[in-house]
C-alpha atoms as a PDB file:
ATOM      1  CA  MET A   1      33.654 -76.525 -36.445  1.00  0.00           C
ATOM      2  CA  ASN A   2      34.191 -79.938 -37.869  1.00  0.00           C
ATOM      3  CA  CYS A   3      37.580 -79.724 -39.588  1.00  0.00           C
ATOM      4  CA  GLY A   4      39.370 -77.553 -37.083  1.00  0.00           C
ATOM      5  CA  THR A   5      39.561 -74.451 -39.236  1.00  0.00           C
ATOM      6  CA  GLN A   6      39.455 -71.180 -37.380  1.00  0.00           C
ATOM      7  CA  LEU A   7      36.424 -69.273 -38.542  1.00  0.00           C
ATOM      8  CA  PRO A   8      35.853 -65.577 -38.249  1.00  0.00           C
ATOM      9  CA  ASP A   9      33.220 -64.461 -35.778  1.00  0.00           C
ATOM     10  CA  GLY A  10      29.735 -64.414 -37.162  1.00  0.00           C
ATOM     11  CA  SER A  11      30.363 -67.136 -39.831  1.00  0.00           C
ATOM     12  CA  ARG A  12      27.431 -69.456 -40.363  1.00  0.00           C
ATOM     13  CA  PHE A  13      29.311 -72.141 -42.402  1.00  0.00           C
ATOM     14  CA  CYS A  14      32.883 -73.413 -42.417  1.00  0.00           C
ATOM     15  CA  SER A  15      34.696 -72.068 -45.475  1.00  0.00           C
ATOM     16  CA  GLN A  16      36.730 -75.354 -45.767  1.00  0.00           C
ATOM     17  CA  CYS A  17      34.250 -78.171 -45.158  1.00  0.00           C
ATOM     18  CA  GLY A  18      30.890 -76.386 -45.404  1.00  0.00           C
ATOM     19  CA  THR A  19      29.638 -77.573 -42.035  1.00  0.00           C
ATOM     20  CA  PRO A  20      27.009 -75.279 -40.631  1.00  0.00           C
ATOM     21  CA  GLN A  21      28.134 -73.560 -37.493  1.00  0.00           C
ATOM     22  CA  VAL A  22      25.991 -73.691 -34.403  1.00  0.00           C
ATOM     23  CA  VAL A  23      25.762 -70.226 -33.023  1.00  0.00           C
ATOM     24  CA  ALA A  24      24.548 -69.928 -29.476  1.00  0.00           C
ATOM     25  CA  PRO A  25      21.608 -67.640 -29.429  1.00  0.00           C
ATOM     26  CA  ALA A  26      22.438 -64.283 -27.918  1.00  0.00           C
ATOM     27  CA  ALA A  27      21.002 -63.701 -24.533  1.00  0.00           C
ATOM     28  CA  GLN A  28      17.967 -61.561 -25.053  1.00  0.00           C
ATOM     29  CA  GLN A  29      17.371 -58.592 -22.879  1.00  0.00           C
ATOM     30  CA  PRO A  30      13.868 -58.488 -21.476  1.00  0.00           C
ATOM     31  CA  VAL A  31      11.713 -55.773 -23.041  1.00  0.00           C
ATOM     32  CA  TYR A  32       9.880 -53.675 -20.542  1.00  0.00           C
ATOM     33  CA  PRO A  33       7.035 -51.342 -21.453  1.00  0.00           C
ATOM     34  CA  GLN A  34       8.102 -47.715 -21.525  1.00  0.00           C
ATOM     35  CA  GLN A  35       7.245 -45.853 -18.327  1.00  0.00           C
ATOM     36  CA  PRO A  36       5.518 -42.471 -18.668  1.00  0.00           C
ATOM     37  CA  ALA A  37       7.646 -39.478 -17.727  1.00  0.00           C
ATOM     38  CA  TYR A  38       7.102 -38.232 -14.163  1.00  0.00           C
ATOM     39  CA  GLN A  39       4.968 -35.123 -13.963  1.00  0.00           C
ATOM     40  CA  GLN A  40       4.843 -32.854 -10.933  1.00  0.00           C
ATOM     41  CA  PRO A  41       1.268 -32.685  -9.667  1.00  0.00           C
ATOM     42  CA  VAL A  42      -0.403 -29.311 -10.213  1.00  0.00           C
ATOM     43  CA  TYR A  43      -2.103 -27.875  -7.159  1.00  0.00           C
ATOM     44  CA  PRO A  44      -4.459 -24.890  -7.250  1.00  0.00           C
ATOM     45  CA  GLN A  45      -2.796 -21.574  -6.420  1.00  0.00           C
ATOM     46  CA  GLN A  46      -3.311 -20.712  -2.762  1.00  0.00           C
ATOM     47  CA  PRO A  47      -3.793 -17.037  -1.894  1.00  0.00           C
ATOM     48  CA  ALA A  48      -0.898 -15.458  -0.021  1.00  0.00           C
ATOM     49  CA  TYR A  49      -1.405 -15.384   3.717  1.00  0.00           C
ATOM     50  CA  GLN A  50      -2.255 -11.960   5.046  1.00  0.00           C
ATOM     51  CA  GLN A  51      -1.888 -11.163   8.704  1.00  0.00           C
ATOM     52  CA  PRO A  52      -5.272 -10.038  10.010  1.00  0.00           C
ATOM     53  CA  ASN A  53      -5.339  -6.397  11.015  1.00  0.00           C
ATOM     54  CA  VAL A  54      -6.372  -6.969  14.619  1.00  0.00           C
ATOM     55  CA  GLN A  55      -5.008  -4.493  17.096  1.00  0.00           C
ATOM     56  CA  PRO A  56      -5.136  -5.095  20.834  1.00  0.00           C
ATOM     57  CA  ALA A  57      -7.120  -2.636  22.939  1.00  0.00           C
ATOM     58  CA  GLY A  58      -5.123   0.531  23.595  1.00  0.00           C
ATOM     59  CA  TYR A  59      -2.794  -0.137  20.651  1.00  0.00           C
ATOM     60  CA  ALA A  60      -1.270   2.902  18.967  1.00  0.00           C
ATOM     61  CA  PRO A  61       0.982   2.547  15.905  1.00  0.00           C
ATOM     62  CA  GLN A  62       4.617   3.549  16.225  1.00  0.00           C
ATOM     63  CA  GLN A  63       5.176   7.224  15.512  1.00  0.00           C
ATOM     64  CA  THR A  64       8.238   7.977  13.394  1.00  0.00           C
ATOM     65  CA  GLY A  65       7.317  11.278  11.739  1.00  0.00           C
ATOM     66  CA  ALA A  66       6.639   9.601   8.371  1.00  0.00           C
ATOM     67  CA  LEU A  67       4.298  11.323   5.911  1.00  0.00           C
ATOM     68  CA  LEU A  68       1.111   9.279   5.549  1.00  0.00           C
ATOM     69  CA  LEU A  69      -1.043  11.501   3.354  1.00  0.00           C
ATOM     70  CA  GLU A  70      -0.799  14.759   1.441  1.00  0.00           C
ATOM     71  CA  ALA A  71      -4.467  15.698   1.452  1.00  0.00           C
ATOM     72  CA  GLY A  72      -4.194  18.832  -0.684  1.00  0.00           C
ATOM     73  CA  LYS A  73      -5.877  22.204  -0.349  1.00  0.00           C
ATOM     74  CA  VAL A  74      -8.238  22.867   2.569  1.00  0.00           C
ATOM     75  CA  THR A  75      -9.977  25.827   4.184  1.00  0.00           C
ATOM     76  CA  ARG A  76      -9.494  26.024   7.932  1.00  0.00           C
ATOM     77  CA  TYR A  77     -11.967  27.498  10.346  1.00  0.00           C
ATOM     78  CA  ASN A  78     -12.155  27.687  14.119  1.00  0.00           C
ATOM     79  CA  GLY A  79     -14.873  25.673  15.767  1.00  0.00           C
ATOM     80  CA  GLY A  80     -16.528  22.373  15.141  1.00  0.00           C
ATOM     81  CA  LYS A  81     -20.055  23.676  14.768  1.00  0.00           C
ATOM     82  CA  ALA A  82     -21.927  24.162  11.521  1.00  0.00           C
ATOM     83  CA  ILE A  83     -20.304  27.546  10.804  1.00  0.00           C
ATOM     84  CA  GLY A  84     -17.103  28.943  12.220  1.00  0.00           C
ATOM     85  CA  THR A  85     -14.645  31.740  11.564  1.00  0.00           C
ATOM     86  CA  VAL A  86     -12.550  31.098   8.434  1.00  0.00           C
ATOM     87  CA  THR A  87      -8.889  31.431   9.346  1.00  0.00           C
ATOM     88  CA  GLY A  88      -7.260  30.700   6.013  1.00  0.00           C
ATOM     89  CA  ASP A  89      -6.575  28.383   3.108  1.00  0.00           C
ATOM     90  CA  GLY A  90      -3.630  26.044   2.764  1.00  0.00           C
ATOM     91  CA  ASP A  91      -2.359  22.508   2.289  1.00  0.00           C
ATOM     92  CA  PHE A  92      -3.072  19.649   4.699  1.00  0.00           C
ATOM     93  CA  PHE A  93      -0.488  16.958   5.521  1.00  0.00           C
ATOM     94  CA  VAL A  94      -0.988  13.931   7.796  1.00  0.00           C
ATOM     95  CA  TYR A  95       2.113  12.430   9.397  1.00  0.00           C
ATOM     96  CA  ASP A  96       2.165   9.502  11.811  1.00  0.00           C
ATOM     97  CA  ASN A  97       2.673  11.853  14.774  1.00  0.00           C
ATOM     98  CA  ARG A  98       1.112  15.163  13.725  1.00  0.00           C
ATOM     99  CA  ILE A  99      -0.942  17.132  11.240  1.00  0.00           C
ATOM    100  CA  GLU A 100       0.582  20.093   9.432  1.00  0.00           C
ATOM    101  CA  TYR A 101      -1.432  22.890   7.892  1.00  0.00           C
ATOM    102  CA  HIS A 102       0.699  24.978   5.482  1.00  0.00           C
ATOM    103  CA  LYS A 103      -1.024  28.341   5.145  1.00  0.00           C
ATOM    104  CA  LYS A 104      -1.304  30.040   1.771  1.00  0.00           C
ATOM    105  CA  THR A 105      -3.621  32.771   3.052  1.00  0.00           C
ATOM    106  CA  GLY A 106      -4.365  33.813   6.598  1.00  0.00           C
ATOM    107  CA  ASN A 107      -7.337  35.360   8.371  1.00  0.00           C
ATOM    108  CA  GLN A 108      -9.768  36.547   5.731  1.00  0.00           C
ATOM    109  CA  SER A 109     -11.467  39.238   7.809  1.00  0.00           C
ATOM    110  CA  GLY A 110      -9.299  41.808   5.983  1.00  0.00           C
ATOM    111  CA  TYR A 111     -11.441  41.310   2.877  1.00  0.00           C
ATOM    112  CA  MET A 112     -13.960  43.663   4.476  1.00  0.00           C
ATOM    113  CA  LEU A 113     -11.474  46.422   3.544  1.00  0.00           C
ATOM    114  CA  GLY A 114     -11.716  45.476  -0.126  1.00  0.00           C
ATOM    115  CA  PRO A 115     -10.379  42.647  -2.263  1.00  0.00           C
ATOM    116  CA  VAL A 116      -6.912  44.048  -2.976  1.00  0.00           C
ATOM    117  CA  LEU A 117      -6.115  45.195   0.556  1.00  0.00           C
ATOM    118  CA  GLY A 118      -7.844  42.130   2.017  1.00  0.00           C
ATOM    119  CA  ALA A 119      -5.763  39.743  -0.122  1.00  0.00           C
ATOM    120  CA  ALA A 120      -2.548  41.552   0.821  1.00  0.00           C
ATOM    121  CA  LEU A 121      -3.373  41.381   4.546  1.00  0.00           C
ATOM    122  CA  SER A 122      -4.391  37.712   4.270  1.00  0.00           C
ATOM    123  CA  ILE A 123      -1.173  36.663   2.489  1.00  0.00           C
ATOM    124  CA  ASN A 124       0.927  38.722   4.914  1.00  0.00           C
ATOM    125  CA  ASP A 125      -0.830  36.987   7.842  1.00  0.00           C
ATOM    126  CA  ALA A 126       0.051  33.560   6.361  1.00  0.00           C
ATOM    127  CA  LYS A 127       3.727  34.537   5.979  1.00  0.00           C
ATOM    128  CA  LYS A 128       4.043  35.431   9.687  1.00  0.00           C
ATOM    129  CA  ASN A 129       3.340  31.848  10.774  1.00  0.00           C
ATOM    130  CA  PRO A 130       3.284  29.657   7.642  1.00  0.00           C
ATOM    131  CA  VAL A 131       2.862  26.230   9.281  1.00  0.00           C
ATOM    132  CA  ASP A 132       0.487  25.227  12.068  1.00  0.00           C
ATOM    133  CA  THR A 133       1.303  21.886  13.669  1.00  0.00           C
ATOM    134  CA  TYR A 134      -1.240  19.783  15.547  1.00  0.00           C
ATOM    135  CA  TRP A 135       0.579  17.082  17.519  1.00  0.00           C
ATOM    136  CA  PHE A 136      -1.429  13.926  18.120  1.00  0.00           C
ATOM    137  CA  GLN A 137      -0.832  14.071  21.881  1.00  0.00           C
ATOM    138  CA  GLU A 138      -2.695  17.446  21.843  1.00  0.00           C
ATOM    139  CA  ILE A 139      -5.722  16.076  19.945  1.00  0.00           C
ATOM    140  CA  ALA A 140      -8.524  14.481  21.984  1.00  0.00           C
ATOM    141  CA  SER A 141     -10.461  13.124  18.984  1.00  0.00           C
ATOM    142  CA  VAL A 142     -11.029  13.421  15.257  1.00  0.00           C
ATOM    143  CA  ARG A 143     -14.369  13.160  13.521  1.00  0.00           C
ATOM    144  CA  LYS A 144     -16.187  14.005  10.341  1.00  0.00           C
ATOM    145  CA  GLY A 145     -18.425  17.072  10.394  1.00  0.00           C
ATOM    146  CA  LYS A 146     -20.361  19.331   8.020  1.00  0.00           C
ATOM    147  CA  TYR A 147     -19.663  22.981   7.231  1.00  0.00           C
ATOM    148  CA  ALA A 148     -22.870  24.979   6.762  1.00  0.00           C
ATOM    149  CA  GLY A 149     -24.640  21.618   6.450  1.00  0.00           C
ATOM    150  CA  LEU A 150     -23.152  21.151   2.979  1.00  0.00           C
ATOM    151  CA  LYS A 151     -19.446  20.345   2.893  1.00  0.00           C
ATOM    152  CA  GLU A 152     -17.863  17.455   4.751  1.00  0.00           C
ATOM    153  CA  THR A 153     -15.096  18.459   7.136  1.00  0.00           C
ATOM    154  CA  VAL A 154     -12.411  16.976   9.337  1.00  0.00           C
ATOM    155  CA  VAL A 155     -12.905  18.218  12.909  1.00  0.00           C
ATOM    156  CA  LEU A 156     -10.039  18.070  15.393  1.00  0.00           C
ATOM    157  CA  GLU A 157     -11.284  18.266  18.994  1.00  0.00           C
ATOM    158  CA  MET A 158      -8.286  19.497  20.966  1.00  0.00           C
ATOM    159  CA  LYS A 159      -7.566  18.501  24.584  1.00  0.00           C
ATOM    160  CA  ASN A 160      -7.693  22.200  25.542  1.00  0.00           C
ATOM    161  CA  GLY A 161     -11.399  22.241  24.597  1.00  0.00           C
ATOM    162  CA  LYS A 162     -11.014  24.083  21.273  1.00  0.00           C
ATOM    163  CA  ALA A 163     -11.995  22.645  17.907  1.00  0.00           C
ATOM    164  CA  VAL A 164     -10.416  23.250  14.507  1.00  0.00           C
ATOM    165  CA  SER A 165     -12.112  22.173  11.294  1.00  0.00           C
ATOM    166  CA  PHE A 166     -10.792  21.704   7.776  1.00  0.00           C
ATOM    167  CA  VAL A 167     -12.967  21.806   4.667  1.00  0.00           C
ATOM    168  CA  PRO A 168     -11.296  19.943   1.776  1.00  0.00           C
ATOM    169  CA  SER A 169     -11.199  21.903  -1.468  1.00  0.00           C
ATOM    170  CA  THR A 170     -10.261  18.943  -3.668  1.00  0.00           C
ATOM    171  CA  LYS A 171     -11.359  15.328  -4.142  1.00  0.00           C
ATOM    172  CA  LYS A 172      -7.871  14.348  -2.950  1.00  0.00           C
ATOM    173  CA  ALA A 173      -8.862  15.104   0.653  1.00  0.00           C
ATOM    174  CA  ASN A 174     -11.505  12.600   1.756  1.00  0.00           C
ATOM    175  CA  PRO A 175     -12.682  13.308   5.343  1.00  0.00           C
ATOM    176  CA  ASP A 176     -13.532   9.619   5.980  1.00  0.00           C
ATOM    177  CA  GLN A 177     -10.045   8.544   4.904  1.00  0.00           C
ATOM    178  CA  ILE A 178      -8.348  11.279   6.926  1.00  0.00           C
ATOM    179  CA  CYS A 179     -10.342  10.501  10.092  1.00  0.00           C
ATOM    180  CA  SER A 180      -9.725   6.736   9.847  1.00  0.00           C
ATOM    181  CA  LEU A 181      -6.017   7.383   9.230  1.00  0.00           C
ATOM    182  CA  ILE A 182      -5.606   9.637  12.288  1.00  0.00           C
ATOM    183  CA  ALA A 183      -7.873   7.859  14.806  1.00  0.00           C
ATOM    184  CA  PRO A 184      -5.544   4.907  15.662  1.00  0.00           C
ATOM    185  CA  TYR A 185      -2.764   7.317  16.637  1.00  0.00           C
ATOM    186  CA  LEU A 186      -4.941   9.123  19.186  1.00  0.00           C
ATOM    187  CA  ARG A 187      -5.246   6.182  21.608  1.00  0.00           C
END
């Protein structure tokens, strides 16, 4: 500004006298290189922790009466030997405190009187006492056996010295699975 004229901001020359205006250079902001965006590190997926299934000696699971397995149709016979007396057919249920055998037919010795009369006697026998219960505190041990050397069975050795065996009639009832399910409760 040489002549004293007020000039608008940003003017490079005076509009009255033509004197170039000295404009102070604007303060420059430093230019920094752009920083990469932060990325969360990716760690490999760790498997979920599973408590090892280690039971102390003498451990028996809590017994609440909960159904553990519906094993399906079985044939029951007395004895744990290779061949015993068939005492009926029915359904086999494993609870956490007992085994229930729901009879559909009873003692089959009546079939010696003929199929019709034998079936009627067998069904009538099952209706008299439809459910047999084997409480775990009455069972000394459980094991897998063989009926007539052919069919795998579940053998309950009772504390009173008797044995009761069940021959599964379906693939649903696996003697290994049933025995391993019952065994911890018999301690």
